Every structure is written in structure tokens, then in C-alpha cells.
């Protein structure tokens, strides 16, 4: 069975190797017996909405975000409709900011978001949130990744988890990311999926559920990925 992966604007939104998320998801999809087909979208008219199984919105600089935001505006209503129906989507850093109502940079310039979720991001120069991070998630356990952002994101939705050794969405809270239906938004780069197999399996599980496919995620051997995650956590805690 084909598994259609849509990577939106990879030339602009691949700031910290976000393509690694696509490679990881494709690898695990093959282990599940699926045929991953990766669509690198540079024009939203290329999206076949009847065959979208996963979407990635990666990270980019403010300049790149400004360009891509304009490109994405024509599909925001359709994207919201699909997310409400359960489309699995990973939004990372700049992509995470896209799904909110707006992003205001440190100079006060406004950038319209897609208004998928009731969130807003405001840039500041007081303190850049940068470094390796461990996030405790009630759903996925401990998640590891790298963050580098000055924008503060604010929302009252369910967070992905709580940062254990740094700041989360903003300077005043340790809550990091967001989870809404089958959408995960996060500032964690690195990329995030290779180091956190629980997230990868989550997206594949949702694909199976949406297509009435029987699955047993316990059959996956994720021992190497788990060992890597544990070693990364030990390194982060040692950095202190």
C-alpha cells in the first residue's frame, strides 16, 4: 500500500536537517510493509488532497518564513479541514509558528499565520532559547531535541510536554509544543523523529487507523533508536 508523505517547501524549510524526519518516517513505513512516496511540494497546487497521509512543515529563517507563509495562505482552509479530519502533520519551529494566527518579529513586523490553531508568536531580543532539550510528555515519555528560537509562542492548548532542563514555548513557561488531534507542533529540531521513535510510530499508527489497517507497533525493533535517545539524554543531563 502506498504511503504518501508531503514535505512542504523543503528548499526553504529545512533549517536544521528537517528532511531527516522524512527519511526516518519512510524507513519505518517500509518496515510496516508500506511503499513510501515522498512529494516535495514547491507549489500548493501539487497537493493531491485525496492521497495525503502525512505532512511536514519544517523550520526556516524569518525571511524564508515570510515567503512560505504567502505561498501557504491559499490552502489554509483546506489544511484546517483535513487536520480536523485527522490528517497527521508534524510542524517544526517555523512550521510550528505557521499554524498559529500570526508571528510578530522583534522589529514589530507582522506575518500572518494559517490560523489552524489559536496560537500566536512574538519575537523578542531579551533571551534566545537555544540548546539541547529534554521534554517530558505524558503521552510519549521523554523526548529529546535541539531548540534555537527567539520567538515566544503562546497558547492554551494541550502542550506536547514540559521542558525539564530549559525553556519551552516561551520564557515564562516550561510547556513545549502542542498536540491537537493528529498534529504535533514543536520547536525541537535535530531532526526530531530519528531520536524519538515513539513519535514516528504515532504518525504511522494514525495512518493505519485512518485506513483500517491492522497493526502491532510492538513488533517494531526500536532498540537502536531507544539506545540513541538514552545516550543523548545522558549527554544533555551531563551538560547540565
Foldseek 3Di string as FASTA:
>chain_A
DEAEEEEEQCVAFCVQNLCVLVVLLCVVCVVVVYHYDYDDDPAVVPDDPVRHQEYEAHHHDPVSLLVVLVRCQVCLVVVLVVVVVQRAYEQEASRLQQCEQWEQAQVGDIGGHSHSDHKYKYAHDPDWFWDWWWWAAPQQGIFIAIATGRIAMDDDAAARGFTDPTDARHDPGRGHWHDDRNYTYGHGPNPGCQLRVSNSVSSVVSSCVVVVHDDDPVPDDCVVSPVSNVVVVVVVVVVD
